[in-house]
Amino acid sequence: MRHLLLTLRYRGTNYHGFQVQQNALSVAQVVQDAVEAVFGARLDVKGCSRTDAGVHALHYALNFWAETSIPVEKLPLALNRHLPDTVRVNEARQVPQ
């Protein structure tokens, strides 16, 4: 199991903050959708903080655990294929537990 750290940039205009919400679209939801498309499982992503609706970010950190052999340097490309243009993965790194 690998501990992965992603940094994102996003335009939050169409999102109701980072954290998943039952009645509104969030940044975490679209990231989880992309992670599920790449890894084949709905993995739990943990953001560095909560944000309000409409907030933008240039360097937002999140982490998750995944069982994968995909080279870490290829993860941004793989995830960005499944993300809307308003959310982009800048970088991915494997980090210590």
PDB file of N, CA and C in Angstrom:
ATOM      1  N   MET A   1       0.853  -1.174   0.000  1.00  0.00           N
ATOM      2  CA  MET A   1       0.000   0.000   0.000  1.00  0.00           C
ATOM      3  C   MET A   1       0.900   1.239   0.000  1.00  0.00           C
ATOM      4  N   ARG A   2       0.628   2.162  -0.894  1.00  0.00           N
ATOM      5  CA  ARG A   2       1.437   3.378  -1.022  1.00  0.00           C
ATOM      6  C   ARG A   2       0.663   4.581  -0.485  1.00  0.00           C
ATOM      7  N   HIS A   3       1.361   5.431   0.223  1.00  0.00           N
ATOM      8  CA  HIS A   3       0.793   6.675   0.744  1.00  0.00           C
ATOM      9  C   HIS A   3       1.148   7.768  -0.262  1.00  0.00           C
ATOM     10  N   LEU A   4       0.141   8.348  -0.897  1.00  0.00           N
ATOM     11  CA  LEU A   4       0.359   9.301  -1.984  1.00  0.00           C
ATOM     12  C   LEU A   4      -0.115  10.693  -1.599  1.00  0.00           C
ATOM     13  N   LEU A   5       0.661  11.680  -1.983  1.00  0.00           N
ATOM     14  CA  LEU A   5       0.338  13.086  -1.763  1.00  0.00           C
ATOM     15  C   LEU A   5       0.165  13.748  -3.122  1.00  0.00           C
ATOM     16  N   LEU A   6      -0.968  14.404  -3.320  1.00  0.00           N
ATOM     17  CA  LEU A   6      -1.219  15.159  -4.546  1.00  0.00           C
ATOM     18  C   LEU A   6      -1.285  16.639  -4.210  1.00  0.00           C
ATOM     19  N   THR A   7      -0.821  17.466  -5.121  1.00  0.00           N
ATOM     20  CA  THR A   7      -1.102  18.894  -5.028  1.00  0.00           C
ATOM     21  C   THR A   7      -1.978  19.252  -6.222  1.00  0.00           C
ATOM     22  N   LEU A   8      -3.017  20.029  -5.943  1.00  0.00           N
ATOM     23  CA  LEU A   8      -4.010  20.410  -6.949  1.00  0.00           C
ATOM     24  C   LEU A   8      -4.044  21.907  -7.127  1.00  0.00           C
ATOM     25  N   ARG A   9      -4.585  22.298  -8.237  1.00  0.00           N
ATOM     26  CA  ARG A   9      -5.049  23.675  -8.421  1.00  0.00           C
ATOM     27  C   ARG A   9      -6.483  23.555  -8.914  1.00  0.00           C
ATOM     28  N   TYR A  10      -7.318  24.488  -8.479  1.00  0.00           N
ATOM     29  CA  TYR A  10      -8.702  24.434  -8.945  1.00  0.00           C
ATOM     30  C   TYR A  10      -9.364  25.798  -8.887  1.00  0.00           C
ATOM     31  N   ARG A  11     -10.343  25.953  -9.781  1.00  0.00           N
ATOM     32  CA  ARG A  11     -11.234  27.119  -9.776  1.00  0.00           C
ATOM     33  C   ARG A  11     -12.523  26.659  -9.103  1.00  0.00           C
ATOM     34  N   GLY A  12     -12.802  27.218  -7.953  1.00  0.00           N
ATOM     35  CA  GLY A  12     -13.895  26.737  -7.142  1.00  0.00           C
ATOM     36  C   GLY A  12     -15.256  27.319  -7.448  1.00  0.00           C
ATOM     37  N   THR A  13     -15.368  28.102  -8.497  1.00  0.00           N
ATOM     38  CA  THR A  13     -16.627  28.774  -8.822  1.00  0.00           C
ATOM     39  C   THR A  13     -17.816  27.819  -8.842  1.00  0.00           C
ATOM     40  N   ASN A  14     -17.658  26.645  -9.417  1.00  0.00           N
ATOM     41  CA  ASN A  14     -18.763  25.696  -9.565  1.00  0.00           C
ATOM     42  C   ASN A  14     -18.854  24.671  -8.438  1.00  0.00           C
ATOM     43  N   TYR A  15     -18.018  24.827  -7.409  1.00  0.00           N
ATOM     44  CA  TYR A  15     -17.966  23.835  -6.339  1.00  0.00           C
ATOM     45  C   TYR A  15     -18.393  24.441  -5.013  1.00  0.00           C
ATOM     46  N   HIS A  16     -18.940  23.592  -4.177  1.00  0.00           N
ATOM     47  CA  HIS A  16     -19.403  24.005  -2.851  1.00  0.00           C
ATOM     48  C   HIS A  16     -18.363  23.608  -1.809  1.00  0.00           C
ATOM     49  N   GLY A  17     -17.136  24.067  -2.025  1.00  0.00           N
ATOM     50  CA  GLY A  17     -16.036  23.765  -1.117  1.00  0.00           C
ATOM     51  C   GLY A  17     -15.314  22.491  -1.497  1.00  0.00           C
ATOM     52  N   PHE A  18     -14.373  22.104  -0.625  1.00  0.00           N
ATOM     53  CA  PHE A  18     -13.591  20.903  -0.902  1.00  0.00           C
ATOM     54  C   PHE A  18     -14.297  19.645  -0.439  1.00  0.00           C
ATOM     55  N   GLN A  19     -14.795  19.625   0.771  1.00  0.00           N
ATOM     56  CA  GLN A  19     -15.325  18.413   1.400  1.00  0.00           C
ATOM     57  C   GLN A  19     -16.576  17.892   0.697  1.00  0.00           C
ATOM     58  N   VAL A  20     -16.682  16.565   0.578  1.00  0.00           N
ATOM     59  CA  VAL A  20     -17.845  15.922  -0.038  1.00  0.00           C
ATOM     60  C   VAL A  20     -19.111  16.325   0.715  1.00  0.00           C
ATOM     61  N   GLN A  21     -20.148  16.657  -0.052  1.00  0.00           N
ATOM     62  CA  GLN A  21     -21.438  17.029   0.511  1.00  0.00           C
ATOM     63  C   GLN A  21     -22.519  16.209  -0.183  1.00  0.00           C
ATOM     64  N   GLN A  22     -23.576  15.912   0.527  1.00  0.00           N
ATOM     65  CA  GLN A  22     -24.636  15.072  -0.028  1.00  0.00           C
ATOM     66  C   GLN A  22     -25.453  15.785  -1.102  1.00  0.00           C
ATOM     67  N   ASN A  23     -25.593  17.097  -1.004  1.00  0.00           N
ATOM     68  CA  ASN A  23     -26.511  17.803  -1.895  1.00  0.00           C
ATOM     69  C   ASN A  23     -25.846  18.804  -2.835  1.00  0.00           C
ATOM     70  N   ALA A  24     -24.521  18.763  -2.932  1.00  0.00           N
ATOM     71  CA  ALA A  24     -23.840  19.736  -3.792  1.00  0.00           C
ATOM     72  C   ALA A  24     -22.517  19.162  -4.286  1.00  0.00           C
ATOM     73  N   LEU A  25     -22.080  19.623  -5.434  1.00  0.00           N
ATOM     74  CA  LEU A  25     -20.823  19.165  -6.031  1.00  0.00           C
ATOM     75  C   LEU A  25     -19.633  19.798  -5.302  1.00  0.00           C
ATOM     76  N   SER A  26     -18.636  18.974  -4.973  1.00  0.00           N
ATOM     77  CA  SER A  26     -17.443  19.459  -4.285  1.00  0.00           C
ATOM     78  C   SER A  26     -16.188  19.042  -5.047  1.00  0.00           C
ATOM     79  N   VAL A  27     -15.081  19.687  -4.709  1.00  0.00           N
ATOM     80  CA  VAL A  27     -13.800  19.343  -5.321  1.00  0.00           C
ATOM     81  C   VAL A  27     -13.425  17.904  -4.964  1.00  0.00           C
ATOM     82  N   ALA A  28     -13.598  17.529  -3.699  1.00  0.00           N
ATOM     83  CA  ALA A  28     -13.255  16.165  -3.284  1.00  0.00           C
ATOM     84  C   ALA A  28     -14.032  15.121  -4.085  1.00  0.00           C
ATOM     85  N   GLN A  29     -15.275  15.402  -4.379  1.00  0.00           N
ATOM     86  CA  GLN A  29     -16.089  14.451  -5.146  1.00  0.00           C
ATOM     87  C   GLN A  29     -15.512  14.213  -6.532  1.00  0.00           C
ATOM     88  N   VAL A  30     -15.133  15.274  -7.244  1.00  0.00           N
ATOM     89  CA  VAL A  30     -14.596  15.071  -8.596  1.00  0.00           C
ATOM     90  C   VAL A  30     -13.220  14.421  -8.541  1.00  0.00           C
ATOM     91  N   VAL A  31     -12.435  14.703  -7.478  1.00  0.00           N
ATOM     92  CA  VAL A  31     -11.144  14.031  -7.325  1.00  0.00           C
ATOM     93  C   VAL A  31     -11.374  12.550  -7.035  1.00  0.00           C
ATOM     94  N   GLN A  32     -12.303  12.224  -6.151  1.00  0.00           N
ATOM     95  CA  GLN A  32     -12.601  10.819  -5.870  1.00  0.00           C
ATOM     96  C   GLN A  32     -13.102  10.088  -7.110  1.00  0.00           C
ATOM     97  N   ASP A  33     -13.879  10.761  -7.944  1.00  0.00           N
ATOM     98  CA  ASP A  33     -14.338  10.157  -9.198  1.00  0.00           C
ATOM     99  C   ASP A  33     -13.144   9.811 -10.084  1.00  0.00           C
ATOM    100  N   ALA A  34     -12.177  10.720 -10.190  1.00  0.00           N
ATOM    101  CA  ALA A  34     -10.987  10.480 -11.010  1.00  0.00           C
ATOM    102  C   ALA A  34     -10.132   9.361 -10.416  1.00  0.00           C
ATOM    103  N   VAL A  35      -9.952   9.380  -9.100  1.00  0.00           N
ATOM    104  CA  VAL A  35      -9.187   8.331  -8.421  1.00  0.00           C
ATOM    105  C   VAL A  35      -9.844   6.974  -8.659  1.00  0.00           C
ATOM    106  N   GLU A  36     -11.160   6.922  -8.562  1.00  0.00           N
ATOM    107  CA  GLU A  36     -11.874   5.668  -8.807  1.00  0.00           C
ATOM    108  C   GLU A  36     -11.678   5.188 -10.247  1.00  0.00           C
ATOM    109  N   ALA A  37     -11.704   6.110 -11.198  1.00  0.00           N
ATOM    110  CA  ALA A  37     -11.507   5.743 -12.600  1.00  0.00           C
ATOM    111  C   ALA A  37     -10.106   5.173 -12.833  1.00  0.00           C
ATOM    112  N   VAL A  38      -9.105   5.725 -12.159  1.00  0.00           N
ATOM    113  CA  VAL A  38      -7.719   5.284 -12.354  1.00  0.00           C
ATOM    114  C   VAL A  38      -7.407   4.016 -11.559  1.00  0.00           C
ATOM    115  N   PHE A  39      -7.854   3.952 -10.307  1.00  0.00           N
ATOM    116  CA  PHE A  39      -7.476   2.852  -9.420  1.00  0.00           C
ATOM    117  C   PHE A  39      -8.521   1.749  -9.312  1.00  0.00           C
ATOM    118  N   GLY A  40      -9.727   1.990  -9.832  1.00  0.00           N
ATOM    119  CA  GLY A  40     -10.760   0.965  -9.809  1.00  0.00           C
ATOM    120  C   GLY A  40     -11.451   0.793  -8.469  1.00  0.00           C
ATOM    121  N   ALA A  41     -11.264   1.745  -7.563  1.00  0.00           N
ATOM    122  CA  ALA A  41     -11.909   1.687  -6.248  1.00  0.00           C
ATOM    123  C   ALA A  41     -12.145   3.111  -5.759  1.00  0.00           C
ATOM    124  N   ARG A  42     -13.183   3.292  -4.981  1.00  0.00           N
ATOM    125  CA  ARG A  42     -13.518   4.605  -4.416  1.00  0.00           C
ATOM    126  C   ARG A  42     -12.681   4.803  -3.157  1.00  0.00           C
ATOM    127  N   LEU A  43     -11.532   5.457  -3.314  1.00  0.00           N
ATOM    128  CA  LEU A  43     -10.600   5.643  -2.212  1.00  0.00           C
ATOM    129  C   LEU A  43     -10.933   6.923  -1.449  1.00  0.00           C
ATOM    130  N   ASP A  44     -10.632   6.913  -0.169  1.00  0.00           N
ATOM    131  CA  ASP A  44     -10.893   8.053   0.706  1.00  0.00           C
ATOM    132  C   ASP A  44      -9.747   9.051   0.585  1.00  0.00           C
ATOM    133  N   VAL A  45     -10.031  10.245   0.082  1.00  0.00           N
ATOM    134  CA  VAL A  45      -9.015  11.290  -0.015  1.00  0.00           C
ATOM    135  C   VAL A  45      -9.184  12.254   1.150  1.00  0.00           C
ATOM    136  N   LYS A  46      -8.068  12.687   1.711  1.00  0.00           N
ATOM    137  CA  LYS A  46      -8.068  13.618   2.839  1.00  0.00           C
ATOM    138  C   LYS A  46      -7.411  14.916   2.397  1.00  0.00           C
ATOM    139  N   GLY A  47      -8.171  16.002   2.416  1.00  0.00           N
ATOM    140  CA  GLY A  47      -7.648  17.303   2.054  1.00  0.00           C
ATOM    141  C   GLY A  47      -6.960  17.976   3.219  1.00  0.00           C
ATOM    142  N   CYS A  48      -6.112  18.958   2.922  1.00  0.00           N
ATOM    143  CA  CYS A  48      -5.357  19.646   3.964  1.00  0.00           C
ATOM    144  C   CYS A  48      -6.245  20.573   4.791  1.00  0.00           C
ATOM    145  N   SER A  49      -7.388  20.967   4.244  1.00  0.00           N
ATOM    146  CA  SER A  49      -8.321  21.811   4.994  1.00  0.00           C
ATOM    147  C   SER A  49      -9.659  21.834   4.265  1.00  0.00           C
ATOM    148  N   ARG A  50     -10.658  22.368   4.947  1.00  0.00           N
ATOM    149  CA  ARG A  50     -11.944  22.600   4.314  1.00  0.00           C
ATOM    150  C   ARG A  50     -11.889  23.963   3.640  1.00  0.00           C
ATOM    151  N   THR A  51     -12.705  24.138   2.620  1.00  0.00           N
ATOM    152  CA  THR A  51     -12.815  25.452   1.994  1.00  0.00           C
ATOM    153  C   THR A  51     -14.288  25.788   1.810  1.00  0.00           C
ATOM    154  N   ASP A  52     -14.565  27.059   1.665  1.00  0.00           N
ATOM    155  CA  ASP A  52     -15.931  27.512   1.417  1.00  0.00           C
ATOM    156  C   ASP A  52     -16.273  27.375  -0.059  1.00  0.00           C
ATOM    157  N   ALA A  53     -17.537  27.495  -0.362  1.00  0.00           N
ATOM    158  CA  ALA A  53     -18.001  27.481  -1.752  1.00  0.00           C
ATOM    159  C   ALA A  53     -17.333  28.605  -2.526  1.00  0.00           C
ATOM    160  N   GLY A  54     -16.946  28.314  -3.757  1.00  0.00           N
ATOM    161  CA  GLY A  54     -16.383  29.317  -4.643  1.00  0.00           C
ATOM    162  C   GLY A  54     -14.912  29.627  -4.444  1.00  0.00           C
ATOM    163  N   VAL A  55     -14.259  29.003  -3.475  1.00  0.00           N
ATOM    164  CA  VAL A  55     -12.841  29.275  -3.197  1.00  0.00           C
ATOM    165  C   VAL A  55     -11.973  28.622  -4.264  1.00  0.00           C
ATOM    166  N   HIS A  56     -10.936  29.350  -4.701  1.00  0.00           N
ATOM    167  CA  HIS A  56      -9.968  28.843  -5.676  1.00  0.00           C
ATOM    168  C   HIS A  56      -8.685  28.444  -4.946  1.00  0.00           C
ATOM    169  N   ALA A  57      -7.885  27.572  -5.552  1.00  0.00           N
ATOM    170  CA  ALA A  57      -6.605  27.168  -4.962  1.00  0.00           C
ATOM    171  C   ALA A  57      -5.571  26.992  -6.062  1.00  0.00           C
ATOM    172  N   LEU A  58      -4.341  27.349  -5.748  1.00  0.00           N
ATOM    173  CA  LEU A  58      -3.216  27.128  -6.656  1.00  0.00           C
ATOM    174  C   LEU A  58      -2.352  25.952  -6.222  1.00  0.00           C
ATOM    175  N   HIS A  59      -2.356  25.667  -4.917  1.00  0.00           N
ATOM    176  CA  HIS A  59      -1.491  24.608  -4.382  1.00  0.00           C
ATOM    177  C   HIS A  59      -2.185  23.990  -3.168  1.00  0.00           C
ATOM    178  N   TYR A  60      -3.130  23.105  -3.415  1.00  0.00           N
ATOM    179  CA  TYR A  60      -3.922  22.458  -2.379  1.00  0.00           C
ATOM    180  C   TYR A  60      -3.437  21.022  -2.232  1.00  0.00           C
ATOM    181  N   ALA A  61      -3.156  20.595  -1.020  1.00  0.00           N
ATOM    182  CA  ALA A  61      -2.608  19.254  -0.779  1.00  0.00           C
ATOM    183  C   ALA A  61      -3.687  18.282  -0.313  1.00  0.00           C
ATOM    184  N   LEU A  62      -3.609  17.055  -0.803  1.00  0.00           N
ATOM    185  CA  LEU A  62      -4.462  15.982  -0.308  1.00  0.00           C
ATOM    186  C   LEU A  62      -3.679  14.684  -0.361  1.00  0.00           C
ATOM    187  N   ASN A  63      -4.110  13.728   0.447  1.00  0.00           N
ATOM    188  CA  ASN A  63      -3.429  12.437   0.439  1.00  0.00           C
ATOM    189  C   ASN A  63      -4.438  11.297   0.456  1.00  0.00           C
ATOM    190  N   PHE A  64      -3.942  10.128   0.074  1.00  0.00           N
ATOM    191  CA  PHE A  64      -4.739   8.900   0.119  1.00  0.00           C
ATOM    192  C   PHE A  64      -3.796   7.713   0.033  1.00  0.00           C
ATOM    193  N   TRP A  65      -4.316   6.556   0.357  1.00  0.00           N
ATOM    194  CA  TRP A  65      -3.573   5.295   0.280  1.00  0.00           C
ATOM    195  C   TRP A  65      -4.080   4.505  -0.927  1.00  0.00           C
ATOM    196  N   ALA A  66      -3.150   3.902  -1.671  1.00  0.00           N
ATOM    197  CA  ALA A  66      -3.559   3.128  -2.845  1.00  0.00           C
ATOM    198  C   ALA A  66      -2.614   1.958  -3.081  1.00  0.00           C
ATOM    199  N   GLU A  67      -3.181   0.902  -3.561  1.00  0.00           N
ATOM    200  CA  GLU A  67      -2.417  -0.261  -4.000  1.00  0.00           C
ATOM    201  C   GLU A  67      -2.261  -0.094  -5.505  1.00  0.00           C
ATOM    202  N   THR A  68      -1.060   0.297  -5.944  1.00  0.00           N
ATOM    203  CA  THR A  68      -0.862   0.575  -7.366  1.00  0.00           C
ATOM    204  C   THR A  68       0.592   0.397  -7.771  1.00  0.00           C
ATOM    205  N   SER A  69       0.790   0.040  -9.017  1.00  0.00           N
ATOM    206  CA  SER A  69       2.142  -0.037  -9.574  1.00  0.00           C
ATOM    207  C   SER A  69       2.387   1.106 -10.566  1.00  0.00           C
ATOM    208  N   ILE A  70       1.429   2.006 -10.699  1.00  0.00           N
ATOM    209  CA  ILE A  70       1.592   3.152 -11.595  1.00  0.00           C
ATOM    210  C   ILE A  70       2.737   4.011 -11.066  1.00  0.00           C
ATOM    211  N   PRO A  71       3.715   4.351 -11.899  1.00  0.00           N
ATOM    212  CA  PRO A  71       4.791   5.231 -11.440  1.00  0.00           C
ATOM    213  C   PRO A  71       4.218   6.571 -10.973  1.00  0.00           C
ATOM    214  N   VAL A  72       4.703   7.040  -9.846  1.00  0.00           N
ATOM    215  CA  VAL A  72       4.146   8.246  -9.234  1.00  0.00           C
ATOM    216  C   VAL A  72       4.206   9.450 -10.175  1.00  0.00           C
ATOM    217  N   GLU A  73       5.221   9.524 -11.003  1.00  0.00           N
ATOM    218  CA  GLU A  73       5.342  10.661 -11.921  1.00  0.00           C
ATOM    219  C   GLU A  73       4.279  10.632 -13.027  1.00  0.00           C
ATOM    220  N   LYS A  74       3.630   9.482 -13.233  1.00  0.00           N
ATOM    221  CA  LYS A  74       2.573   9.352 -14.241  1.00  0.00           C
ATOM    222  C   LYS A  74       1.173   9.631 -13.677  1.00  0.00           C
ATOM    223  N   LEU A  75       1.051   9.699 -12.356  1.00  0.00           N
ATOM    224  CA  LEU A  75      -0.261   9.884 -11.742  1.00  0.00           C
ATOM    225  C   LEU A  75      -0.953  11.192 -12.139  1.00  0.00           C
ATOM    226  N   PRO A  76      -0.249  12.345 -12.173  1.00  0.00           N
ATOM    227  CA  PRO A  76      -0.963  13.559 -12.593  1.00  0.00           C
ATOM    228  C   PRO A  76      -1.604  13.411 -13.979  1.00  0.00           C
ATOM    229  N   LEU A  77      -0.894  12.867 -14.929  1.00  0.00           N
ATOM    230  CA  LEU A  77      -1.430  12.672 -16.272  1.00  0.00           C
ATOM    231  C   LEU A  77      -2.642  11.733 -16.242  1.00  0.00           C
ATOM    232  N   ALA A  78      -2.514  10.627 -15.531  1.00  0.00           N
ATOM    233  CA  ALA A  78      -3.609   9.656 -15.457  1.00  0.00           C
ATOM    234  C   ALA A  78      -4.849  10.268 -14.805  1.00  0.00           C
ATOM    235  N   LEU A  79      -4.672  10.971 -13.694  1.00  0.00           N
ATOM    236  CA  LEU A  79      -5.813  11.567 -12.997  1.00  0.00           C
ATOM    237  C   LEU A  79      -6.410  12.731 -13.782  1.00  0.00           C
ATOM    238  N   ASN A  80      -5.567  13.564 -14.373  1.00  0.00           N
ATOM    239  CA  ASN A  80      -6.072  14.728 -15.119  1.00  0.00           C
ATOM    240  C   ASN A  80      -6.932  14.331 -16.316  1.00  0.00           C
ATOM    241  N   ARG A  81      -6.714  13.145 -16.843  1.00  0.00           N
ATOM    242  CA  ARG A  81      -7.565  12.651 -17.944  1.00  0.00           C
ATOM    243  C   ARG A  81      -9.013  12.501 -17.509  1.00  0.00           C
ATOM    244  N   HIS A  82      -9.230  12.321 -16.202  1.00  0.00           N
ATOM    245  CA  HIS A  82     -10.571  12.071 -15.668  1.00  0.00           C
ATOM    246  C   HIS A  82     -11.125  13.254 -14.874  1.00  0.00           C
ATOM    247  N   LEU A  83     -10.391  14.342 -14.832  1.00  0.00           N
ATOM    248  CA  LEU A  83     -10.833  15.526 -14.084  1.00  0.00           C
ATOM    249  C   LEU A  83     -11.348  16.598 -15.026  1.00  0.00           C
ATOM    250  N   PRO A  84     -12.283  17.416 -14.567  1.00  0.00           N
ATOM    251  CA  PRO A  84     -12.712  18.556 -15.386  1.00  0.00           C
ATOM    252  C   PRO A  84     -11.584  19.579 -15.474  1.00  0.00           C
ATOM    253  N   ASP A  85     -11.663  20.461 -16.449  1.00  0.00           N
ATOM    254  CA  ASP A  85     -10.618  21.483 -16.629  1.00  0.00           C
ATOM    255  C   ASP A  85     -10.481  22.408 -15.429  1.00  0.00           C
ATOM    256  N   THR A  86     -11.478  22.465 -14.583  1.00  0.00           N
ATOM    257  CA  THR A  86     -11.448  23.345 -13.417  1.00  0.00           C
ATOM    258  C   THR A  86     -10.653  22.761 -12.250  1.00  0.00           C
ATOM    259  N   VAL A  87     -10.255  21.491 -12.346  1.00  0.00           N
ATOM    260  CA  VAL A  87      -9.455  20.839 -11.306  1.00  0.00           C
ATOM    261  C   VAL A  87      -8.295  20.118 -11.996  1.00  0.00           C
ATOM    262  N   ARG A  88      -7.073  20.397 -11.571  1.00  0.00           N
ATOM    263  CA  ARG A  88      -5.882  19.782 -12.167  1.00  0.00           C
ATOM    264  C   ARG A  88      -4.941  19.307 -11.066  1.00  0.00           C
ATOM    265  N   VAL A  89      -4.327  18.153 -11.277  1.00  0.00           N
ATOM    266  CA  VAL A  89      -3.282  17.665 -10.384  1.00  0.00           C
ATOM    267  C   VAL A  89      -1.962  18.267 -10.864  1.00  0.00           C
ATOM    268  N   ASN A  90      -1.298  19.012  -9.983  1.00  0.00           N
ATOM    269  CA  ASN A  90       0.007  19.606 -10.309  1.00  0.00           C
ATOM    270  C   ASN A  90       1.133  18.607 -10.153  1.00  0.00           C
ATOM    271  N   GLU A  91       1.071  17.829  -9.069  1.00  0.00           N
ATOM    272  CA  GLU A  91       2.187  16.946  -8.715  1.00  0.00           C
ATOM    273  C   GLU A  91       1.668  15.789  -7.876  1.00  0.00           C
ATOM    274  N   ALA A  92       2.371  14.667  -7.955  1.00  0.00           N
ATOM    275  CA  ALA A  92       2.088  13.509  -7.097  1.00  0.00           C
ATOM    276  C   ALA A  92       3.416  13.022  -6.533  1.00  0.00           C
ATOM    277  N   ARG A  93       3.386  12.637  -5.268  1.00  0.00           N
ATOM    278  CA  ARG A  93       4.580  12.099  -4.616  1.00  0.00           C
ATOM    279  C   ARG A  93       4.181  10.967  -3.689  1.00  0.00           C
ATOM    280  N   GLN A  94       5.071   9.982  -3.551  1.00  0.00           N
ATOM    281  CA  GLN A  94       4.876   8.991  -2.511  1.00  0.00           C
ATOM    282  C   GLN A  94       5.534   9.558  -1.261  1.00  0.00           C
ATOM    283  N   VAL A  95       4.838   9.474  -0.141  1.00  0.00           N
ATOM    284  CA  VAL A  95       5.341  10.053   1.113  1.00  0.00           C
ATOM    285  C   VAL A  95       5.377   8.964   2.190  1.00  0.00           C
ATOM    286  N   PRO A  96       6.163   9.201   3.241  1.00  0.00           N
ATOM    287  CA  PRO A  96       6.220   8.220   4.333  1.00  0.00           C
ATOM    288  C   PRO A  96       4.876   8.089   5.043  1.00  0.00           C
ATOM    289  N   GLN A  97       4.702   6.982   5.728  1.00  0.00           N
ATOM    290  CA  GLN A  97       3.464   6.752   6.464  1.00  0.00           C
ATOM    291  C   GLN A  97       3.294   7.797   7.525  1.00  0.00           C
TER     292      GLN A  97
END
